[in-house]
Amino acid sequence: MDDDDLPRRRDDVLAALIKQPLDPLSVDELDDRIAALEGEIARIKAHRTAATSQKAAAAALFRKR
């Protein structure tokens, strides 16, 4: 079963983050938040690349000839 098939948890951090109001944040706080999110995006992309490579390697290993 793929992770995409799983239901989202009620305490999904991403959903909570999206719902947070931005009005109370200062420009510096917004800049810090953007930098943190860009860092998280880079980390997720690296993980996705590694996972894709592992999946392709496993598929090649078990491929029928």
PDB file of N, CA and C in Angstrom:
ATOM      1  N   MET A   1       0.849  -1.178   0.000  1.00  0.00           N
ATOM      2  CA  MET A   1       0.000   0.000   0.000  1.00  0.00           C
ATOM      3  C   MET A   1       0.897   1.243   0.000  1.00  0.00           C
ATOM      4  N   ASP A   2       0.599   2.174  -0.872  1.00  0.00           N
ATOM      5  CA  ASP A   2       1.347   3.424  -0.940  1.00  0.00           C
ATOM      6  C   ASP A   2       0.878   4.371   0.149  1.00  0.00           C
ATOM      7  N   ASP A   3       1.774   5.281   0.549  1.00  0.00           N
ATOM      8  CA  ASP A   3       1.404   6.284   1.550  1.00  0.00           C
ATOM      9  C   ASP A   3       0.268   7.173   1.049  1.00  0.00           C
ATOM     10  N   ASP A   4       0.180   7.356  -0.282  1.00  0.00           N
ATOM     11  CA  ASP A   4      -0.878   8.197  -0.850  1.00  0.00           C
ATOM     12  C   ASP A   4      -2.257   7.613  -0.589  1.00  0.00           C
ATOM     13  N   ASP A   5      -2.326   6.300  -0.388  1.00  0.00           N
ATOM     14  CA  ASP A   5      -3.604   5.635  -0.165  1.00  0.00           C
ATOM     15  C   ASP A   5      -4.095   5.777   1.270  1.00  0.00           C
ATOM     16  N   LEU A   6      -3.205   6.184   2.162  1.00  0.00           N
ATOM     17  CA  LEU A   6      -3.558   6.275   3.572  1.00  0.00           C
ATOM     18  C   LEU A   6      -4.338   7.564   3.843  1.00  0.00           C
ATOM     19  N   PRO A   7      -5.316   7.518   4.736  1.00  0.00           N
ATOM     20  CA  PRO A   7      -6.040   8.754   5.080  1.00  0.00           C
ATOM     21  C   PRO A   7      -5.136   9.694   5.874  1.00  0.00           C
ATOM     22  N   ARG A   8      -5.368  10.976   5.724  1.00  0.00           N
ATOM     23  CA  ARG A   8      -4.596  11.961   6.490  1.00  0.00           C
ATOM     24  C   ARG A   8      -4.998  11.893   7.955  1.00  0.00           C
ATOM     25  N   ARG A   9      -4.015  12.097   8.818  1.00  0.00           N
ATOM     26  CA  ARG A   9      -4.285  12.097  10.254  1.00  0.00           C
ATOM     27  C   ARG A   9      -5.026  13.368  10.625  1.00  0.00           C
ATOM     28  N   ARG A  10      -5.798  13.284  11.689  1.00  0.00           N
ATOM     29  CA  ARG A  10      -6.535  14.459  12.169  1.00  0.00           C
ATOM     30  C   ARG A  10      -5.581  15.566  12.621  1.00  0.00           C
ATOM     31  N   ASP A  11      -4.416  15.185  13.135  1.00  0.00           N
ATOM     32  CA  ASP A  11      -3.457  16.176  13.623  1.00  0.00           C
ATOM     33  C   ASP A  11      -2.396  16.467  12.563  1.00  0.00           C
ATOM     34  N   ASP A  12      -2.805  16.452  11.290  1.00  0.00           N
ATOM     35  CA  ASP A  12      -1.903  16.703  10.174  1.00  0.00           C
ATOM     36  C   ASP A  12      -1.285  18.098  10.316  1.00  0.00           C
ATOM     37  N   VAL A  13       0.016  18.143  10.444  1.00  0.00           N
ATOM     38  CA  VAL A  13       0.741  19.399  10.656  1.00  0.00           C
ATOM     39  C   VAL A  13       0.579  20.334   9.461  1.00  0.00           C
ATOM     40  N   LEU A  14       0.611  19.780   8.267  1.00  0.00           N
ATOM     41  CA  LEU A  14       0.470  20.605   7.072  1.00  0.00           C
ATOM     42  C   LEU A  14      -0.881  21.308   7.033  1.00  0.00           C
ATOM     43  N   ALA A  15      -1.931  20.574   7.359  1.00  0.00           N
ATOM     44  CA  ALA A  15      -3.269  21.181   7.375  1.00  0.00           C
ATOM     45  C   ALA A  15      -3.339  22.299   8.414  1.00  0.00           C
ATOM     46  N   ALA A  16      -2.740  22.075   9.566  1.00  0.00           N
ATOM     47  CA  ALA A  16      -2.730  23.099  10.616  1.00  0.00           C
ATOM     48  C   ALA A  16      -1.930  24.322  10.170  1.00  0.00           C
ATOM     49  N   LEU A  17      -0.818  24.089   9.493  1.00  0.00           N
ATOM     50  CA  LEU A  17       0.029  25.185   9.023  1.00  0.00           C
ATOM     51  C   LEU A  17      -0.712  26.052   8.013  1.00  0.00           C
ATOM     52  N   ILE A  18      -1.422  25.423   7.122  1.00  0.00           N
ATOM     53  CA  ILE A  18      -2.160  26.156   6.087  1.00  0.00           C
ATOM     54  C   ILE A  18      -3.260  27.025   6.690  1.00  0.00           C
ATOM     55  N   LYS A  19      -3.841  26.570   7.786  1.00  0.00           N
ATOM     56  CA  LYS A  19      -4.944  27.301   8.415  1.00  0.00           C
ATOM     57  C   LYS A  19      -4.480  28.477   9.284  1.00  0.00           C
ATOM     58  N   GLN A  20      -3.194  28.547   9.599  1.00  0.00           N
ATOM     59  CA  GLN A  20      -2.711  29.603  10.483  1.00  0.00           C
ATOM     60  C   GLN A  20      -2.836  30.974   9.813  1.00  0.00           C
ATOM     61  N   PRO A  21      -3.337  31.949  10.545  1.00  0.00           N
ATOM     62  CA  PRO A  21      -3.423  33.299   9.984  1.00  0.00           C
ATOM     63  C   PRO A  21      -2.031  33.932   9.873  1.00  0.00           C
ATOM     64  N   LEU A  22      -1.813  34.645   8.803  1.00  0.00           N
ATOM     65  CA  LEU A  22      -0.518  35.286   8.580  1.00  0.00           C
ATOM     66  C   LEU A  22      -0.512  36.750   9.015  1.00  0.00           C
ATOM     67  N   ASP A  23      -1.677  37.335   9.213  1.00  0.00           N
ATOM     68  CA  ASP A  23      -1.781  38.754   9.564  1.00  0.00           C
ATOM     69  C   ASP A  23      -0.975  39.148  10.802  1.00  0.00           C
ATOM     70  N   PRO A  24      -0.933  38.328  11.856  1.00  0.00           N
ATOM     71  CA  PRO A  24      -0.210  38.748  13.053  1.00  0.00           C
ATOM     72  C   PRO A  24       1.319  38.709  12.911  1.00  0.00           C
ATOM     73  N   LEU A  25       1.830  38.138  11.827  1.00  0.00           N
ATOM     74  CA  LEU A  25       3.279  37.986  11.687  1.00  0.00           C
ATOM     75  C   LEU A  25       3.917  39.243  11.102  1.00  0.00           C
ATOM     76  N   SER A  26       5.095  39.561  11.616  1.00  0.00           N
ATOM     77  CA  SER A  26       5.860  40.691  11.074  1.00  0.00           C
ATOM     78  C   SER A  26       6.538  40.251   9.779  1.00  0.00           C
ATOM     79  N   VAL A  27       7.092  41.218   9.064  1.00  0.00           N
ATOM     80  CA  VAL A  27       7.799  40.913   7.821  1.00  0.00           C
ATOM     81  C   VAL A  27       8.984  39.986   8.112  1.00  0.00           C
ATOM     82  N   ASP A  28       9.713  40.246   9.200  1.00  0.00           N
ATOM     83  CA  ASP A  28      10.838  39.378   9.563  1.00  0.00           C
ATOM     84  C   ASP A  28      10.368  37.960   9.884  1.00  0.00           C
ATOM     85  N   GLU A  29       9.246  37.860  10.579  1.00  0.00           N
ATOM     86  CA  GLU A  29       8.700  36.533  10.896  1.00  0.00           C
ATOM     87  C   GLU A  29       8.247  35.814   9.619  1.00  0.00           C
ATOM     88  N   LEU A  30       7.684  36.564   8.685  1.00  0.00           N
ATOM     89  CA  LEU A  30       7.285  35.974   7.407  1.00  0.00           C
ATOM     90  C   LEU A  30       8.516  35.489   6.635  1.00  0.00           C
ATOM     91  N   ASP A  31       9.577  36.306   6.638  1.00  0.00           N
ATOM     92  CA  ASP A  31      10.824  35.906   5.970  1.00  0.00           C
ATOM     93  C   ASP A  31      11.400  34.639   6.597  1.00  0.00           C
ATOM     94  N   ASP A  32      11.375  34.572   7.938  1.00  0.00           N
ATOM     95  CA  ASP A  32      11.865  33.372   8.634  1.00  0.00           C
ATOM     96  C   ASP A  32      11.021  32.155   8.278  1.00  0.00           C
ATOM     97  N   ARG A  33       9.734  32.357   8.202  1.00  0.00           N
ATOM     98  CA  ARG A  33       8.828  31.256   7.868  1.00  0.00           C
ATOM     99  C   ARG A  33       9.071  30.770   6.445  1.00  0.00           C
ATOM    100  N   ILE A  34       9.253  31.697   5.521  1.00  0.00           N
ATOM    101  CA  ILE A  34       9.546  31.337   4.130  1.00  0.00           C
ATOM    102  C   ILE A  34      10.844  30.543   4.051  1.00  0.00           C
ATOM    103  N   ALA A  35      11.871  31.008   4.746  1.00  0.00           N
ATOM    104  CA  ALA A  35      13.164  30.310   4.729  1.00  0.00           C
ATOM    105  C   ALA A  35      13.022  28.895   5.296  1.00  0.00           C
ATOM    106  N   ALA A  36      12.277  28.755   6.372  1.00  0.00           N
ATOM    107  CA  ALA A  36      12.075  27.438   6.977  1.00  0.00           C
ATOM    108  C   ALA A  36      11.306  26.520   6.027  1.00  0.00           C
ATOM    109  N   LEU A  37      10.280  27.055   5.385  1.00  0.00           N
ATOM    110  CA  LEU A  37       9.496  26.249   4.454  1.00  0.00           C
ATOM    111  C   LEU A  37      10.308  25.867   3.218  1.00  0.00           C
ATOM    112  N   GLU A  38      11.140  26.777   2.719  1.00  0.00           N
ATOM    113  CA  GLU A  38      12.004  26.454   1.581  1.00  0.00           C
ATOM    114  C   GLU A  38      13.000  25.361   1.949  1.00  0.00           C
ATOM    115  N   GLY A  39      13.514  25.409   3.168  1.00  0.00           N
ATOM    116  CA  GLY A  39      14.404  24.350   3.645  1.00  0.00           C
ATOM    117  C   GLY A  39      13.683  23.024   3.733  1.00  0.00           C
ATOM    118  N   GLU A  40      12.453  23.052   4.201  1.00  0.00           N
ATOM    119  CA  GLU A  40      11.646  21.829   4.301  1.00  0.00           C
ATOM    120  C   GLU A  40      11.323  21.274   2.920  1.00  0.00           C
ATOM    121  N   ILE A  41      11.035  22.157   1.980  1.00  0.00           N
ATOM    122  CA  ILE A  41      10.770  21.721   0.600  1.00  0.00           C
ATOM    123  C   ILE A  41      11.998  21.018   0.036  1.00  0.00           C
ATOM    124  N   ALA A  42      13.171  21.575   0.242  1.00  0.00           N
ATOM    125  CA  ALA A  42      14.406  20.956  -0.244  1.00  0.00           C
ATOM    126  C   ALA A  42      14.619  19.581   0.394  1.00  0.00           C
ATOM    127  N   ARG A  43      14.341  19.464   1.682  1.00  0.00           N
ATOM    128  CA  ARG A  43      14.495  18.193   2.388  1.00  0.00           C
ATOM    129  C   ARG A  43      13.523  17.151   1.837  1.00  0.00           C
ATOM    130  N   ILE A  44      12.292  17.571   1.575  1.00  0.00           N
ATOM    131  CA  ILE A  44      11.279  16.655   1.049  1.00  0.00           C
ATOM    132  C   ILE A  44      11.644  16.203  -0.364  1.00  0.00           C
ATOM    133  N   LYS A  45      12.109  17.131  -1.196  1.00  0.00           N
ATOM    134  CA  LYS A  45      12.504  16.769  -2.559  1.00  0.00           C
ATOM    135  C   LYS A  45      13.658  15.775  -2.551  1.00  0.00           C
ATOM    136  N   ALA A  46      14.617  15.969  -1.653  1.00  0.00           N
ATOM    137  CA  ALA A  46      15.747  15.037  -1.552  1.00  0.00           C
ATOM    138  C   ALA A  46      15.258  13.657  -1.117  1.00  0.00           C
ATOM    139  N   HIS A  47      14.342  13.621  -0.178  1.00  0.00           N
ATOM    140  CA  HIS A  47      13.788  12.346   0.283  1.00  0.00           C
ATOM    141  C   HIS A  47      13.004  11.655  -0.833  1.00  0.00           C
ATOM    142  N   ARG A  48      12.240  12.433  -1.576  1.00  0.00           N
ATOM    143  CA  ARG A  48      11.472  11.878  -2.694  1.00  0.00           C
ATOM    144  C   ARG A  48      12.407  11.291  -3.747  1.00  0.00           C
ATOM    145  N   THR A  49      13.494  11.985  -4.046  1.00  0.00           N
ATOM    146  CA  THR A  49      14.466  11.492  -5.019  1.00  0.00           C
ATOM    147  C   THR A  49      15.075  10.172  -4.553  1.00  0.00           C
ATOM    148  N   ALA A  50      15.434  10.117  -3.288  1.00  0.00           N
ATOM    149  CA  ALA A  50      16.012   8.887  -2.740  1.00  0.00           C
ATOM    150  C   ALA A  50      14.992   7.752  -2.766  1.00  0.00           C
ATOM    151  N   ALA A  51      13.761   8.045  -2.419  1.00  0.00           N
ATOM    152  CA  ALA A  51      12.713   7.021  -2.404  1.00  0.00           C
ATOM    153  C   ALA A  51      12.438   6.519  -3.814  1.00  0.00           C
ATOM    154  N   THR A  52      12.426   7.410  -4.784  1.00  0.00           N
ATOM    155  CA  THR A  52      12.200   7.018  -6.169  1.00  0.00           C
ATOM    156  C   THR A  52      13.327   6.126  -6.663  1.00  0.00           C
ATOM    157  N   SER A  53      14.552   6.468  -6.299  1.00  0.00           N
ATOM    158  CA  SER A  53      15.703   5.663  -6.704  1.00  0.00           C
ATOM    159  C   SER A  53      15.629   4.270  -6.086  1.00  0.00           C
ATOM    160  N   GLN A  54      15.263   4.195  -4.827  1.00  0.00           N
ATOM    161  CA  GLN A  54      15.147   2.902  -4.151  1.00  0.00           C
ATOM    162  C   GLN A  54      14.033   2.068  -4.768  1.00  0.00           C
ATOM    163  N   LYS A  55      12.926   2.712  -5.100  1.00  0.00           N
ATOM    164  CA  LYS A  55      11.802   1.995  -5.699  1.00  0.00           C
ATOM    165  C   LYS A  55      12.191   1.456  -7.069  1.00  0.00           C
ATOM    166  N   ALA A  56      12.906   2.260  -7.855  1.00  0.00           N
ATOM    167  CA  ALA A  56      13.347   1.816  -9.177  1.00  0.00           C
ATOM    168  C   ALA A  56      14.337   0.662  -9.064  1.00  0.00           C
ATOM    169  N   ALA A  57      15.226   0.730  -8.089  1.00  0.00           N
ATOM    170  CA  ALA A  57      16.195  -0.344  -7.889  1.00  0.00           C
ATOM    171  C   ALA A  57      15.496  -1.636  -7.477  1.00  0.00           C
ATOM    172  N   ALA A  58      14.520  -1.526  -6.607  1.00  0.00           N
ATOM    173  CA  ALA A  58      13.770  -2.709  -6.179  1.00  0.00           C
ATOM    174  C   ALA A  58      12.985  -3.287  -7.347  1.00  0.00           C
ATOM    175  N   ALA A  59      12.379  -2.444  -8.152  1.00  0.00           N
ATOM    176  CA  ALA A  59      11.619  -2.917  -9.312  1.00  0.00           C
ATOM    177  C   ALA A  59      12.538  -3.634 -10.295  1.00  0.00           C
ATOM    178  N   ALA A  60      13.717  -3.090 -10.513  1.00  0.00           N
ATOM    179  CA  ALA A  60      14.674  -3.719 -11.418  1.00  0.00           C
ATOM    180  C   ALA A  60      15.138  -5.065 -10.874  1.00  0.00           C
ATOM    181  N   LEU A  61      15.312  -5.154  -9.584  1.00  0.00           N
ATOM    182  CA  LEU A  61      15.768  -6.387  -8.954  1.00  0.00           C
ATOM    183  C   LEU A  61      14.737  -7.498  -9.098  1.00  0.00           C
ATOM    184  N   PHE A  62      13.477  -7.157  -8.952  1.00  0.00           N
ATOM    185  CA  PHE A  62      12.421  -8.160  -8.964  1.00  0.00           C
ATOM    186  C   PHE A  62      11.703  -8.274 -10.310  1.00  0.00           C
ATOM    187  N   ARG A  63      12.194  -7.560 -11.308  1.00  0.00           N
ATOM    188  CA  ARG A  63      11.567  -7.590 -12.624  1.00  0.00           C
ATOM    189  C   ARG A  63      11.713  -8.992 -13.219  1.00  0.00           C
ATOM    190  N   LYS A  64      10.645  -9.451 -13.831  1.00  0.00           N
ATOM    191  CA  LYS A  64      10.685 -10.762 -14.489  1.00  0.00           C
ATOM    192  C   LYS A  64      11.416 -10.611 -15.819  1.00  0.00           C
ATOM    193  N   ARG A  65      12.192 -11.621 -16.133  1.00  0.00           N
ATOM    194  CA  ARG A  65      12.946 -11.589 -17.401  1.00  0.00           C
ATOM    195  C   ARG A  65      12.291 -12.453 -18.426  1.00  0.00           C
TER     196      ARG A  65
END
